[in-house]
Amino acid sequence: MIKGLRTAIYPTPDLAAGKAWYSRVFQQEPYFDQPFYVGFEIGGFELGLLPDGEPGKAGSQVYWGVEDIAKEVQRIIALGASIHSDIQEVGEGIKVAELADPFGNVLGLIENPHFDRAKVA
């Protein structure tokens, strides 16, 4: 039985730069920090940075929940991201945006008033 999102992994050619940038974006330090993998615990889920592989915008789509998408988009752009796909209302009050991180990956954000954290298993 699939229990839901657990981990999103981003290839990061410069692991030190990736760790520093994502620490600023998520406003916390990693809980797991090794030369082969860096892991952040974000609201019960994991963001992993992998030093091998090619970053790209055509890979998996992962959306991180936010309360105020416009505010978060501006904050993360100020940290060096750029707009990949601007904020869009996709129905029923749900808004999404995609930012390009400095390494070539897409960082998806979602403001979803219907999401119930109590259902996360």
PDB file of N, CA and C in Angstrom:
ATOM      1  N   MET A   1       0.839  -1.188   0.000  1.00  0.00           N
ATOM      2  CA  MET A   1       0.000   0.000   0.000  1.00  0.00           C
ATOM      3  C   MET A   1       0.881   1.247   0.000  1.00  0.00           C
ATOM      4  N   ILE A   2       0.646   2.139  -0.926  1.00  0.00           N
ATOM      5  CA  ILE A   2       1.391   3.392  -0.991  1.00  0.00           C
ATOM      6  C   ILE A   2       0.834   4.328   0.069  1.00  0.00           C
ATOM      7  N   LYS A   3       1.722   4.886   0.868  1.00  0.00           N
ATOM      8  CA  LYS A   3       1.299   5.733   1.982  1.00  0.00           C
ATOM      9  C   LYS A   3       1.474   7.225   1.725  1.00  0.00           C
ATOM     10  N   GLY A   4       1.977   7.617   0.576  1.00  0.00           N
ATOM     11  CA  GLY A   4       2.118   9.041   0.269  1.00  0.00           C
ATOM     12  C   GLY A   4       3.570   9.457   0.117  1.00  0.00           C
ATOM     13  N   LEU A   5       3.771  10.708  -0.207  1.00  0.00           N
ATOM     14  CA  LEU A   5       5.098  11.258  -0.435  1.00  0.00           C
ATOM     15  C   LEU A   5       5.964  11.090   0.808  1.00  0.00           C
ATOM     16  N   ARG A   6       7.190  10.649   0.614  1.00  0.00           N
ATOM     17  CA  ARG A   6       8.143  10.541   1.709  1.00  0.00           C
ATOM     18  C   ARG A   6       9.416  11.324   1.409  1.00  0.00           C
ATOM     19  N   THR A   7       9.906  11.212   0.181  1.00  0.00           N
ATOM     20  CA  THR A   7      11.193  11.800  -0.152  1.00  0.00           C
ATOM     21  C   THR A   7      11.171  12.379  -1.558  1.00  0.00           C
ATOM     22  N   ALA A   8      11.752  13.556  -1.706  1.00  0.00           N
ATOM     23  CA  ALA A   8      12.009  14.143  -3.018  1.00  0.00           C
ATOM     24  C   ALA A   8      13.517  14.330  -3.110  1.00  0.00           C
ATOM     25  N   ILE A   9      14.132  13.811  -4.155  1.00  0.00           N
ATOM     26  CA  ILE A   9      15.584  13.891  -4.297  1.00  0.00           C
ATOM     27  C   ILE A   9      15.934  14.763  -5.495  1.00  0.00           C
ATOM     28  N   TYR A  10      16.837  15.709  -5.246  1.00  0.00           N
ATOM     29  CA  TYR A  10      17.321  16.610  -6.290  1.00  0.00           C
ATOM     30  C   TYR A  10      18.798  16.345  -6.536  1.00  0.00           C
ATOM     31  N   PRO A  11      19.192  16.061  -7.787  1.00  0.00           N
ATOM     32  CA  PRO A  11      20.611  15.963  -8.100  1.00  0.00           C
ATOM     33  C   PRO A  11      21.261  17.336  -7.927  1.00  0.00           C
ATOM     34  N   THR A  12      22.418  17.358  -7.286  1.00  0.00           N
ATOM     35  CA  THR A  12      23.072  18.630  -6.967  1.00  0.00           C
ATOM     36  C   THR A  12      24.566  18.486  -7.232  1.00  0.00           C
ATOM     37  N   PRO A  13      25.067  18.964  -8.379  1.00  0.00           N
ATOM     38  CA  PRO A  13      26.478  18.782  -8.724  1.00  0.00           C
ATOM     39  C   PRO A  13      27.441  19.369  -7.689  1.00  0.00           C
ATOM     40  N   ASP A  14      27.088  20.470  -7.062  1.00  0.00           N
ATOM     41  CA  ASP A  14      27.921  21.086  -6.017  1.00  0.00           C
ATOM     42  C   ASP A  14      27.160  20.910  -4.698  1.00  0.00           C
ATOM     43  N   LEU A  15      27.472  19.830  -3.987  1.00  0.00           N
ATOM     44  CA  LEU A  15      26.713  19.471  -2.788  1.00  0.00           C
ATOM     45  C   LEU A  15      26.786  20.558  -1.716  1.00  0.00           C
ATOM     46  N   ALA A  16      27.928  21.182  -1.533  1.00  0.00           N
ATOM     47  CA  ALA A  16      28.056  22.245  -0.520  1.00  0.00           C
ATOM     48  C   ALA A  16      27.165  23.438  -0.871  1.00  0.00           C
ATOM     49  N   ALA A  17      27.176  23.828  -2.142  1.00  0.00           N
ATOM     50  CA  ALA A  17      26.332  24.952  -2.562  1.00  0.00           C
ATOM     51  C   ALA A  17      24.851  24.580  -2.456  1.00  0.00           C
ATOM     52  N   GLY A  18      24.508  23.350  -2.831  1.00  0.00           N
ATOM     53  CA  GLY A  18      23.126  22.898  -2.721  1.00  0.00           C
ATOM     54  C   GLY A  18      22.657  22.866  -1.283  1.00  0.00           C
ATOM     55  N   LYS A  19      23.497  22.354  -0.400  1.00  0.00           N
ATOM     56  CA  LYS A  19      23.144  22.298   1.024  1.00  0.00           C
ATOM     57  C   LYS A  19      22.924  23.703   1.574  1.00  0.00           C
ATOM     58  N   ALA A  20      23.794  24.625   1.225  1.00  0.00           N
ATOM     59  CA  ALA A  20      23.659  26.005   1.710  1.00  0.00           C
ATOM     60  C   ALA A  20      22.382  26.652   1.172  1.00  0.00           C
ATOM     61  N   TRP A  21      22.105  26.462  -0.118  1.00  0.00           N
ATOM     62  CA  TRP A  21      20.935  27.108  -0.719  1.00  0.00           C
ATOM     63  C   TRP A  21      19.640  26.540  -0.136  1.00  0.00           C
ATOM     64  N   TYR A  22      19.517  25.211  -0.085  1.00  0.00           N
ATOM     65  CA  TYR A  22      18.294  24.617   0.445  1.00  0.00           C
ATOM     66  C   TYR A  22      18.137  24.866   1.946  1.00  0.00           C
ATOM     67  N   SER A  23      19.238  25.022   2.672  1.00  0.00           N
ATOM     68  CA  SER A  23      19.140  25.409   4.091  1.00  0.00           C
ATOM     69  C   SER A  23      18.481  26.776   4.222  1.00  0.00           C
ATOM     70  N   ARG A  24      18.814  27.693   3.310  1.00  0.00           N
ATOM     71  CA  ARG A  24      18.187  29.025   3.344  1.00  0.00           C
ATOM     72  C   ARG A  24      16.728  28.950   2.898  1.00  0.00           C
ATOM     73  N   VAL A  25      16.446  28.199   1.856  1.00  0.00           N
ATOM     74  CA  VAL A  25      15.073  28.097   1.350  1.00  0.00           C
ATOM     75  C   VAL A  25      14.145  27.529   2.416  1.00  0.00           C
ATOM     76  N   PHE A  26      14.535  26.416   3.041  1.00  0.00           N
ATOM     77  CA  PHE A  26      13.682  25.757   4.015  1.00  0.00           C
ATOM     78  C   PHE A  26      13.937  26.223   5.447  1.00  0.00           C
ATOM     79  N   GLN A  27      14.876  27.123   5.610  1.00  0.00           N
ATOM     80  CA  GLN A  27      15.193  27.755   6.900  1.00  0.00           C
ATOM     81  C   GLN A  27      15.520  26.742   7.988  1.00  0.00           C
ATOM     82  N   GLN A  28      16.323  25.757   7.622  1.00  0.00           N
ATOM     83  CA  GLN A  28      16.803  24.779   8.594  1.00  0.00           C
ATOM     84  C   GLN A  28      18.013  24.047   8.034  1.00  0.00           C
ATOM     85  N   GLU A  29      18.751  23.415   8.912  1.00  0.00           N
ATOM     86  CA  GLU A  29      19.927  22.642   8.529  1.00  0.00           C
ATOM     87  C   GLU A  29      19.518  21.188   8.272  1.00  0.00           C
ATOM     88  N   PRO A  30      20.313  20.456   7.491  1.00  0.00           N
ATOM     89  CA  PRO A  30      19.994  19.049   7.253  1.00  0.00           C
ATOM     90  C   PRO A  30      20.137  18.220   8.525  1.00  0.00           C
ATOM     91  N   TYR A  31      19.366  17.139   8.598  1.00  0.00           N
ATOM     92  CA  TYR A  31      19.508  16.210   9.717  1.00  0.00           C
ATOM     93  C   TYR A  31      20.513  15.109   9.380  1.00  0.00           C
ATOM     94  N   PHE A  32      20.766  14.901   8.085  1.00  0.00           N
ATOM     95  CA  PHE A  32      21.710  13.886   7.614  1.00  0.00           C
ATOM     96  C   PHE A  32      22.643  14.569   6.636  1.00  0.00           C
ATOM     97  N   ASP A  33      23.936  14.526   6.903  1.00  0.00           N
ATOM     98  CA  ASP A  33      24.890  15.294   6.102  1.00  0.00           C
ATOM     99  C   ASP A  33      26.148  14.468   5.866  1.00  0.00           C
ATOM    100  N   GLN A  34      26.182  13.817   4.706  1.00  0.00           N
ATOM    101  CA  GLN A  34      27.314  12.985   4.331  1.00  0.00           C
ATOM    102  C   GLN A  34      27.761  13.372   2.922  1.00  0.00           C
ATOM    103  N   PRO A  35      28.983  13.024   2.537  1.00  0.00           N
ATOM    104  CA  PRO A  35      29.459  13.365   1.186  1.00  0.00           C
ATOM    105  C   PRO A  35      28.637  12.730   0.066  1.00  0.00           C
ATOM    106  N   PHE A  36      27.909  11.655   0.365  1.00  0.00           N
ATOM    107  CA  PHE A  36      27.139  10.941  -0.649  1.00  0.00           C
ATOM    108  C   PHE A  36      25.660  11.307  -0.654  1.00  0.00           C
ATOM    109  N   TYR A  37      25.187  12.072   0.363  1.00  0.00           N
ATOM    110  CA  TYR A  37      23.769  12.408   0.446  1.00  0.00           C
ATOM    111  C   TYR A  37      23.559  13.398   1.580  1.00  0.00           C
ATOM    112  N   VAL A  38      22.696  14.386   1.330  1.00  0.00           N
ATOM    113  CA  VAL A  38      22.291  15.338   2.370  1.00  0.00           C
ATOM    114  C   VAL A  38      20.772  15.265   2.469  1.00  0.00           C
ATOM    115  N   GLY A  39      20.257  15.088   3.683  1.00  0.00           N
ATOM    116  CA  GLY A  39      18.815  14.958   3.884  1.00  0.00           C
ATOM    117  C   GLY A  39      18.274  16.004   4.842  1.00  0.00           C
ATOM    118  N   PHE A  40      17.180  16.628   4.436  1.00  0.00           N
ATOM    119  CA  PHE A  40      16.459  17.589   5.266  1.00  0.00           C
ATOM    120  C   PHE A  40      15.107  16.985   5.631  1.00  0.00           C
ATOM    121  N   GLU A  41      14.674  17.153   6.865  1.00  0.00           N
ATOM    122  CA  GLU A  41      13.327  16.761   7.262  1.00  0.00           C
ATOM    123  C   GLU A  41      12.466  18.010   7.160  1.00  0.00           C
ATOM    124  N   ILE A  42      11.481  17.977   6.269  1.00  0.00           N
ATOM    125  CA  ILE A  42      10.618  19.121   6.014  1.00  0.00           C
ATOM    126  C   ILE A  42       9.176  18.710   6.299  1.00  0.00           C
ATOM    127  N   GLY A  43       8.667  19.112   7.423  1.00  0.00           N
ATOM    128  CA  GLY A  43       7.270  18.839   7.764  1.00  0.00           C
ATOM    129  C   GLY A  43       6.894  17.368   7.719  1.00  0.00           C
ATOM    130  N   GLY A  44       7.796  16.496   8.131  1.00  0.00           N
ATOM    131  CA  GLY A  44       7.510  15.068   8.125  1.00  0.00           C
ATOM    132  C   GLY A  44       7.906  14.361   6.840  1.00  0.00           C
ATOM    133  N   PHE A  45       8.451  15.098   5.891  1.00  0.00           N
ATOM    134  CA  PHE A  45       8.884  14.527   4.618  1.00  0.00           C
ATOM    135  C   PHE A  45      10.370  14.797   4.445  1.00  0.00           C
ATOM    136  N   GLU A  46      10.967  14.218   3.430  1.00  0.00           N
ATOM    137  CA  GLU A  46      12.400  14.389   3.223  1.00  0.00           C
ATOM    138  C   GLU A  46      12.710  15.036   1.882  1.00  0.00           C
ATOM    139  N   LEU A  47      13.610  16.005   1.936  1.00  0.00           N
ATOM    140  CA  LEU A  47      14.237  16.566   0.745  1.00  0.00           C
ATOM    141  C   LEU A  47      15.663  16.051   0.760  1.00  0.00           C
ATOM    142  N   GLY A  48      16.036  15.310  -0.274  1.00  0.00           N
ATOM    143  CA  GLY A  48      17.383  14.762  -0.364  1.00  0.00           C
ATOM    144  C   GLY A  48      18.163  15.417  -1.478  1.00  0.00           C
ATOM    145  N   LEU A  49      19.448  15.656  -1.224  1.00  0.00           N
ATOM    146  CA  LEU A  49      20.360  16.185  -2.233  1.00  0.00           C
ATOM    147  C   LEU A  49      21.371  15.100  -2.562  1.00  0.00           C
ATOM    148  N   LEU A  50      21.498  14.798  -3.832  1.00  0.00           N
ATOM    149  CA  LEU A  50      22.367  13.736  -4.306  1.00  0.00           C
ATOM    150  C   LEU A  50      23.472  14.339  -5.162  1.00  0.00           C
ATOM    151  N   PRO A  51      24.744  14.078  -4.820  1.00  0.00           N
ATOM    152  CA  PRO A  51      25.829  14.731  -5.554  1.00  0.00           C
ATOM    153  C   PRO A  51      26.054  14.185  -6.955  1.00  0.00           C
ATOM    154  N   ASP A  52      25.495  13.060  -7.301  1.00  0.00           N
ATOM    155  CA  ASP A  52      25.666  12.487  -8.636  1.00  0.00           C
ATOM    156  C   ASP A  52      24.410  12.719  -9.456  1.00  0.00           C
ATOM    157  N   GLY A  53      24.559  12.757 -10.738  1.00  0.00           N
ATOM    158  CA  GLY A  53      23.399  12.905 -11.602  1.00  0.00           C
ATOM    159  C   GLY A  53      23.296  14.298 -12.177  1.00  0.00           C
ATOM    160  N   GLU A  54      22.440  14.420 -13.149  1.00  0.00           N
ATOM    161  CA  GLU A  54      22.239  15.676 -13.858  1.00  0.00           C
ATOM    162  C   GLU A  54      20.945  16.335 -13.412  1.00  0.00           C
ATOM    163  N   PRO A  55      21.031  17.558 -12.894  1.00  0.00           N
ATOM    164  CA  PRO A  55      19.788  18.273 -12.598  1.00  0.00           C
ATOM    165  C   PRO A  55      19.002  18.491 -13.882  1.00  0.00           C
ATOM    166  N   GLY A  56      17.707  18.633 -13.757  1.00  0.00           N
ATOM    167  CA  GLY A  56      16.904  18.880 -14.944  1.00  0.00           C
ATOM    168  C   GLY A  56      15.482  19.218 -14.597  1.00  0.00           C
ATOM    169  N   LYS A  57      14.830  19.868 -15.532  1.00  0.00           N
ATOM    170  CA  LYS A  57      13.459  20.307 -15.335  1.00  0.00           C
ATOM    171  C   LYS A  57      12.443  19.314 -15.873  1.00  0.00           C
ATOM    172  N   ALA A  58      12.892  18.204 -16.440  1.00  0.00           N
ATOM    173  CA  ALA A  58      11.972  17.240 -17.025  1.00  0.00           C
ATOM    174  C   ALA A  58      11.744  16.029 -16.131  1.00  0.00           C
ATOM    175  N   GLY A  59      12.325  16.028 -14.943  1.00  0.00           N
ATOM    176  CA  GLY A  59      12.206  14.883 -14.048  1.00  0.00           C
ATOM    177  C   GLY A  59      10.894  14.879 -13.279  1.00  0.00           C
ATOM    178  N   SER A  60      10.915  14.264 -12.126  1.00  0.00           N
ATOM    179  CA  SER A  60       9.724  14.156 -11.286  1.00  0.00           C
ATOM    180  C   SER A  60       9.212  15.523 -10.874  1.00  0.00           C
ATOM    181  N   GLN A  61       7.896  15.627 -10.719  1.00  0.00           N
ATOM    182  CA  GLN A  61       7.298  16.859 -10.208  1.00  0.00           C
ATOM    183  C   GLN A  61       6.980  16.651  -8.745  1.00  0.00           C
ATOM    184  N   VAL A  62       7.538  17.506  -7.911  1.00  0.00           N
ATOM    185  CA  VAL A  62       7.314  17.451  -6.477  1.00  0.00           C
ATOM    186  C   VAL A  62       6.881  18.840  -6.044  1.00  0.00           C
ATOM    187  N   TYR A  63       5.827  18.915  -5.258  1.00  0.00           N
ATOM    188  CA  TYR A  63       5.324  20.202  -4.782  1.00  0.00           C
ATOM    189  C   TYR A  63       5.372  20.224  -3.259  1.00  0.00           C
ATOM    190  N   TRP A  64       6.009  21.260  -2.714  1.00  0.00           N
ATOM    191  CA  TRP A  64       6.128  21.463  -1.279  1.00  0.00           C
ATOM    192  C   TRP A  64       5.036  22.428  -0.842  1.00  0.00           C
ATOM    193  N   GLY A  65       4.340  22.074   0.221  1.00  0.00           N
ATOM    194  CA  GLY A  65       3.227  22.883   0.709  1.00  0.00           C
ATOM    195  C   GLY A  65       3.675  24.188   1.347  1.00  0.00           C
ATOM    196  N   VAL A  66       2.935  25.252   1.076  1.00  0.00           N
ATOM    197  CA  VAL A  66       3.163  26.570   1.671  1.00  0.00           C
ATOM    198  C   VAL A  66       1.819  27.179   2.048  1.00  0.00           C
ATOM    199  N   GLU A  67       1.842  28.125   2.971  1.00  0.00           N
ATOM    200  CA  GLU A  67       0.603  28.788   3.365  1.00  0.00           C
ATOM    201  C   GLU A  67       0.302  30.009   2.506  1.00  0.00           C
ATOM    202  N   ASP A  68       1.332  30.725   2.062  1.00  0.00           N
ATOM    203  CA  ASP A  68       1.168  31.940   1.260  1.00  0.00           C
ATOM    204  C   ASP A  68       2.121  31.844   0.079  1.00  0.00           C
ATOM    205  N   ILE A  69       1.621  31.353  -1.048  1.00  0.00           N
ATOM    206  CA  ILE A  69       2.487  31.043  -2.183  1.00  0.00           C
ATOM    207  C   ILE A  69       3.167  32.290  -2.755  1.00  0.00           C
ATOM    208  N   ALA A  70       2.456  33.404  -2.809  1.00  0.00           N
ATOM    209  CA  ALA A  70       3.062  34.625  -3.360  1.00  0.00           C
ATOM    210  C   ALA A  70       4.246  35.067  -2.515  1.00  0.00           C
ATOM    211  N   LYS A  71       4.092  35.022  -1.225  1.00  0.00           N
ATOM    212  CA  LYS A  71       5.170  35.419  -0.306  1.00  0.00           C
ATOM    213  C   LYS A  71       6.373  34.479  -0.446  1.00  0.00           C
ATOM    214  N   GLU A  72       6.123  33.167  -0.519  1.00  0.00           N
ATOM    215  CA  GLU A  72       7.212  32.204  -0.630  1.00  0.00           C
ATOM    216  C   GLU A  72       7.929  32.302  -1.970  1.00  0.00           C
ATOM    217  N   VAL A  73       7.185  32.521  -3.043  1.00  0.00           N
ATOM    218  CA  VAL A  73       7.821  32.682  -4.350  1.00  0.00           C
ATOM    219  C   VAL A  73       8.798  33.862  -4.313  1.00  0.00           C
ATOM    220  N   GLN A  74       8.375  34.983  -3.768  1.00  0.00           N
ATOM    221  CA  GLN A  74       9.248  36.151  -3.698  1.00  0.00           C
ATOM    222  C   GLN A  74      10.459  35.885  -2.817  1.00  0.00           C
ATOM    223  N   ARG A  75      10.262  35.209  -1.691  1.00  0.00           N
ATOM    224  CA  ARG A  75      11.374  34.912  -0.775  1.00  0.00           C
ATOM    225  C   ARG A  75      12.411  34.020  -1.448  1.00  0.00           C
ATOM    226  N   ILE A  76      11.950  32.992  -2.160  1.00  0.00           N
ATOM    227  CA  ILE A  76      12.877  32.039  -2.770  1.00  0.00           C
ATOM    228  C   ILE A  76      13.556  32.644  -3.995  1.00  0.00           C
ATOM    229  N   ILE A  77      12.870  33.496  -4.734  1.00  0.00           N
ATOM    230  CA  ILE A  77      13.518  34.218  -5.840  1.00  0.00           C
ATOM    231  C   ILE A  77      14.654  35.085  -5.300  1.00  0.00           C
ATOM    232  N   ALA A  78      14.418  35.722  -4.161  1.00  0.00           N
ATOM    233  CA  ALA A  78      15.464  36.550  -3.551  1.00  0.00           C
ATOM    234  C   ALA A  78      16.683  35.720  -3.150  1.00  0.00           C
ATOM    235  N   LEU A  79      16.500  34.410  -2.984  1.00  0.00           N
ATOM    236  CA  LEU A  79      17.608  33.513  -2.640  1.00  0.00           C
ATOM    237  C   LEU A  79      18.299  32.940  -3.875  1.00  0.00           C
ATOM    238  N   GLY A  80      17.854  33.320  -5.071  1.00  0.00           N
ATOM    239  CA  GLY A  80      18.557  32.901  -6.277  1.00  0.00           C
ATOM    240  C   GLY A  80      17.782  32.019  -7.231  1.00  0.00           C
ATOM    241  N   ALA A  81      16.529  31.715  -6.924  1.00  0.00           N
ATOM    242  CA  ALA A  81      15.718  30.928  -7.856  1.00  0.00           C
ATOM    243  C   ALA A  81      15.149  31.850  -8.932  1.00  0.00           C
ATOM    244  N   SER A  82      14.589  31.250  -9.968  1.00  0.00           N
ATOM    245  CA  SER A  82      13.893  32.022 -10.998  1.00  0.00           C
ATOM    246  C   SER A  82      12.556  31.336 -11.277  1.00  0.00           C
ATOM    247  N   ILE A  83      11.662  32.071 -11.917  1.00  0.00           N
ATOM    248  CA  ILE A  83      10.341  31.531 -12.241  1.00  0.00           C
ATOM    249  C   ILE A  83      10.468  30.518 -13.374  1.00  0.00           C
ATOM    250  N   HIS A  84       9.975  29.331 -13.146  1.00  0.00           N
ATOM    251  CA  HIS A  84       9.857  28.333 -14.210  1.00  0.00           C
ATOM    252  C   HIS A  84       8.418  28.355 -14.727  1.00  0.00           C
ATOM    253  N   SER A  85       7.460  28.409 -13.803  1.00  0.00           N
ATOM    254  CA  SER A  85       6.049  28.539 -14.126  1.00  0.00           C
ATOM    255  C   SER A  85       5.426  29.377 -13.013  1.00  0.00           C
ATOM    256  N   ASP A  86       4.890  30.530 -13.377  1.00  0.00           N
ATOM    257  CA  ASP A  86       4.380  31.479 -12.385  1.00  0.00           C
ATOM    258  C   ASP A  86       3.174  30.906 -11.637  1.00  0.00           C
ATOM    259  N   ILE A  87       2.777  31.577 -10.588  1.00  0.00           N
ATOM    260  CA  ILE A  87       1.659  31.147  -9.751  1.00  0.00           C
ATOM    261  C   ILE A  87       0.404  31.014 -10.611  1.00  0.00           C
ATOM    262  N   GLN A  88      -0.261  29.863 -10.446  1.00  0.00           N
ATOM    263  CA  GLN A  88      -1.509  29.608 -11.167  1.00  0.00           C
ATOM    264  C   GLN A  88      -2.547  29.069 -10.192  1.00  0.00           C
ATOM    265  N   GLU A  89      -3.763  29.554 -10.312  1.00  0.00           N
ATOM    266  CA  GLU A  89      -4.896  28.979  -9.594  1.00  0.00           C
ATOM    267  C   GLU A  89      -5.340  27.783 -10.427  1.00  0.00           C
ATOM    268  N   VAL A  90      -5.372  26.592  -9.824  1.00  0.00           N
ATOM    269  CA  VAL A  90      -5.723  25.399 -10.577  1.00  0.00           C
ATOM    270  C   VAL A  90      -7.103  24.862 -10.211  1.00  0.00           C
ATOM    271  N   GLY A  91      -7.843  25.633  -9.409  1.00  0.00           N
ATOM    272  CA  GLY A  91      -9.200  25.249  -9.048  1.00  0.00           C
ATOM    273  C   GLY A  91      -9.373  25.046  -7.559  1.00  0.00           C
ATOM    274  N   GLU A  92     -10.563  25.365  -7.075  1.00  0.00           N
ATOM    275  CA  GLU A  92     -10.954  25.155  -5.691  1.00  0.00           C
ATOM    276  C   GLU A  92      -9.989  25.780  -4.686  1.00  0.00           C
ATOM    277  N   GLY A  93      -9.412  26.922  -5.048  1.00  0.00           N
ATOM    278  CA  GLY A  93      -8.525  27.640  -4.141  1.00  0.00           C
ATOM    279  C   GLY A  93      -7.100  27.129  -4.090  1.00  0.00           C
ATOM    280  N   ILE A  94      -6.781  26.152  -4.920  1.00  0.00           N
ATOM    281  CA  ILE A  94      -5.436  25.571  -4.934  1.00  0.00           C
ATOM    282  C   ILE A  94      -4.571  26.367  -5.907  1.00  0.00           C
ATOM    283  N   LYS A  95      -3.375  26.748  -5.447  1.00  0.00           N
ATOM    284  CA  LYS A  95      -2.430  27.502  -6.277  1.00  0.00           C
ATOM    285  C   LYS A  95      -1.107  26.753  -6.324  1.00  0.00           C
ATOM    286  N   VAL A  96      -0.477  26.770  -7.497  1.00  0.00           N
ATOM    287  CA  VAL A  96       0.829  26.137  -7.673  1.00  0.00           C
ATOM    288  C   VAL A  96       1.772  27.097  -8.379  1.00  0.00           C
ATOM    289  N   ALA A  97       3.054  26.877  -8.168  1.00  0.00           N
ATOM    290  CA  ALA A  97       4.107  27.611  -8.875  1.00  0.00           C
ATOM    291  C   ALA A  97       5.313  26.690  -8.965  1.00  0.00           C
ATOM    292  N   GLU A  98       6.136  26.919  -9.977  1.00  0.00           N
ATOM    293  CA  GLU A  98       7.373  26.161 -10.136  1.00  0.00           C
ATOM    294  C   GLU A  98       8.521  27.140 -10.280  1.00  0.00           C
ATOM    295  N   LEU A  99       9.554  26.931  -9.472  1.00  0.00           N
ATOM    296  CA  LEU A  99      10.747  27.767  -9.511  1.00  0.00           C
ATOM    297  C   LEU A  99      11.919  26.921  -9.986  1.00  0.00           C
ATOM    298  N   ALA A 100      12.838  27.526 -10.698  1.00  0.00           N
ATOM    299  CA  ALA A 100      14.070  26.847 -11.094  1.00  0.00           C
ATOM    300  C   ALA A 100      15.122  27.168 -10.041  1.00  0.00           C
ATOM    301  N   ASP A 101      15.659  26.123  -9.416  1.00  0.00           N
ATOM    302  CA  ASP A 101      16.712  26.360  -8.427  1.00  0.00           C
ATOM    303  C   ASP A 101      18.002  26.732  -9.153  1.00  0.00           C
ATOM    304  N   PRO A 102      19.034  27.189  -8.445  1.00  0.00           N
ATOM    305  CA  PRO A 102      20.272  27.601  -9.112  1.00  0.00           C
ATOM    306  C   PRO A 102      21.012  26.464  -9.810  1.00  0.00           C
ATOM    307  N   PHE A 103      20.576  25.225  -9.620  1.00  0.00           N
ATOM    308  CA  PHE A 103      21.285  24.072 -10.145  1.00  0.00           C
ATOM    309  C   PHE A 103      20.595  23.440 -11.348  1.00  0.00           C
ATOM    310  N   GLY A 104      19.392  23.930 -11.701  1.00  0.00           N
ATOM    311  CA  GLY A 104      18.687  23.425 -12.871  1.00  0.00           C
ATOM    312  C   GLY A 104      17.509  22.521 -12.572  1.00  0.00           C
ATOM    313  N   ASN A 105      17.158  22.347 -11.301  1.00  0.00           N
ATOM    314  CA  ASN A 105      15.993  21.544 -10.922  1.00  0.00           C
ATOM    315  C   ASN A 105      14.771  22.435 -10.769  1.00  0.00           C
ATOM    316  N   VAL A 106      13.590  21.830 -10.822  1.00  0.00           N
ATOM    317  CA  VAL A 106      12.352  22.550 -10.563  1.00  0.00           C
ATOM    318  C   VAL A 106      11.953  22.313  -9.106  1.00  0.00           C
ATOM    319  N   LEU A 107      11.674  23.398  -8.408  1.00  0.00           N
ATOM    320  CA  LEU A 107      11.183  23.363  -7.029  1.00  0.00           C
ATOM    321  C   LEU A 107       9.720  23.772  -7.080  1.00  0.00           C
ATOM    322  N   GLY A 108       8.815  22.804  -6.894  1.00  0.00           N
ATOM    323  CA  GLY A 108       7.384  23.079  -6.961  1.00  0.00           C
ATOM    324  C   GLY A 108       6.835  23.498  -5.609  1.00  0.00           C
ATOM    325  N   LEU A 109       5.925  24.475  -5.624  1.00  0.00           N
ATOM    326  CA  LEU A 109       5.235  24.939  -4.421  1.00  0.00           C
ATOM    327  C   LEU A 109       3.736  24.799  -4.639  1.00  0.00           C
ATOM    328  N   ILE A 110       3.019  24.461  -3.564  1.00  0.00           N
ATOM    329  CA  ILE A 110       1.567  24.358  -3.647  1.00  0.00           C
ATOM    330  C   ILE A 110       0.941  24.945  -2.389  1.00  0.00           C
ATOM    331  N   GLU A 111      -0.060  25.774  -2.612  1.00  0.00           N
ATOM    332  CA  GLU A 111      -0.905  26.293  -1.526  1.00  0.00           C
ATOM    333  C   GLU A 111      -2.247  25.602  -1.699  1.00  0.00           C
ATOM    334  N   ASN A 112      -2.534  24.665  -0.800  1.00  0.00           N
ATOM    335  CA  ASN A 112      -3.732  23.841  -0.936  1.00  0.00           C
ATOM    336  C   ASN A 112      -4.539  23.902   0.363  1.00  0.00           C
ATOM    337  N   PRO A 113      -5.618  24.677   0.391  1.00  0.00           N
ATOM    338  CA  PRO A 113      -6.407  24.797   1.618  1.00  0.00           C
ATOM    339  C   PRO A 113      -7.113  23.505   2.010  1.00  0.00           C
ATOM    340  N   HIS A 114      -7.135  22.500   1.140  1.00  0.00           N
ATOM    341  CA  HIS A 114      -7.810  21.239   1.411  1.00  0.00           C
ATOM    342  C   HIS A 114      -6.900  20.168   2.006  1.00  0.00           C
ATOM    343  N   PHE A 115      -5.578  20.420   2.012  1.00  0.00           N
ATOM    344  CA  PHE A 115      -4.636  19.434   2.504  1.00  0.00           C
ATOM    345  C   PHE A 115      -4.785  19.257   4.012  1.00  0.00           C
ATOM    346  N   ASP A 116      -4.901  18.018   4.448  1.00  0.00           N
ATOM    347  CA  ASP A 116      -5.098  17.699   5.865  1.00  0.00           C
ATOM    348  C   ASP A 116      -3.870  16.926   6.361  1.00  0.00           C
ATOM    349  N   ARG A 117      -2.981  17.621   7.090  1.00  0.00           N
ATOM    350  CA  ARG A 117      -1.755  16.975   7.596  1.00  0.00           C
ATOM    351  C   ARG A 117      -2.081  15.815   8.519  1.00  0.00           C
ATOM    352  N   ALA A 118      -3.221  15.814   9.143  1.00  0.00           N
ATOM    353  CA  ALA A 118      -3.596  14.726  10.058  1.00  0.00           C
ATOM    354  C   ALA A 118      -3.720  13.389   9.325  1.00  0.00           C
ATOM    355  N   LYS A 119      -3.903  13.434   8.007  1.00  0.00           N
ATOM    356  CA  LYS A 119      -4.046  12.202   7.241  1.00  0.00           C
ATOM    357  C   LYS A 119      -2.707  11.614   6.804  1.00  0.00           C
ATOM    358  N   VAL A 120      -1.607  12.310   7.073  1.00  0.00           N
ATOM    359  CA  VAL A 120      -0.288  11.815   6.664  1.00  0.00           C
ATOM    360  C   VAL A 120       0.066  10.622   7.541  1.00  0.00           C
ATOM    361  N   ALA A 121       0.349   9.501   6.894  1.00  0.00           N
ATOM    362  CA  ALA A 121       0.678   8.270   7.638  1.00  0.00           C
ATOM    363  C   ALA A 121       2.176   8.069   7.703  1.00  0.00           C
TER     364      ALA A 121
END
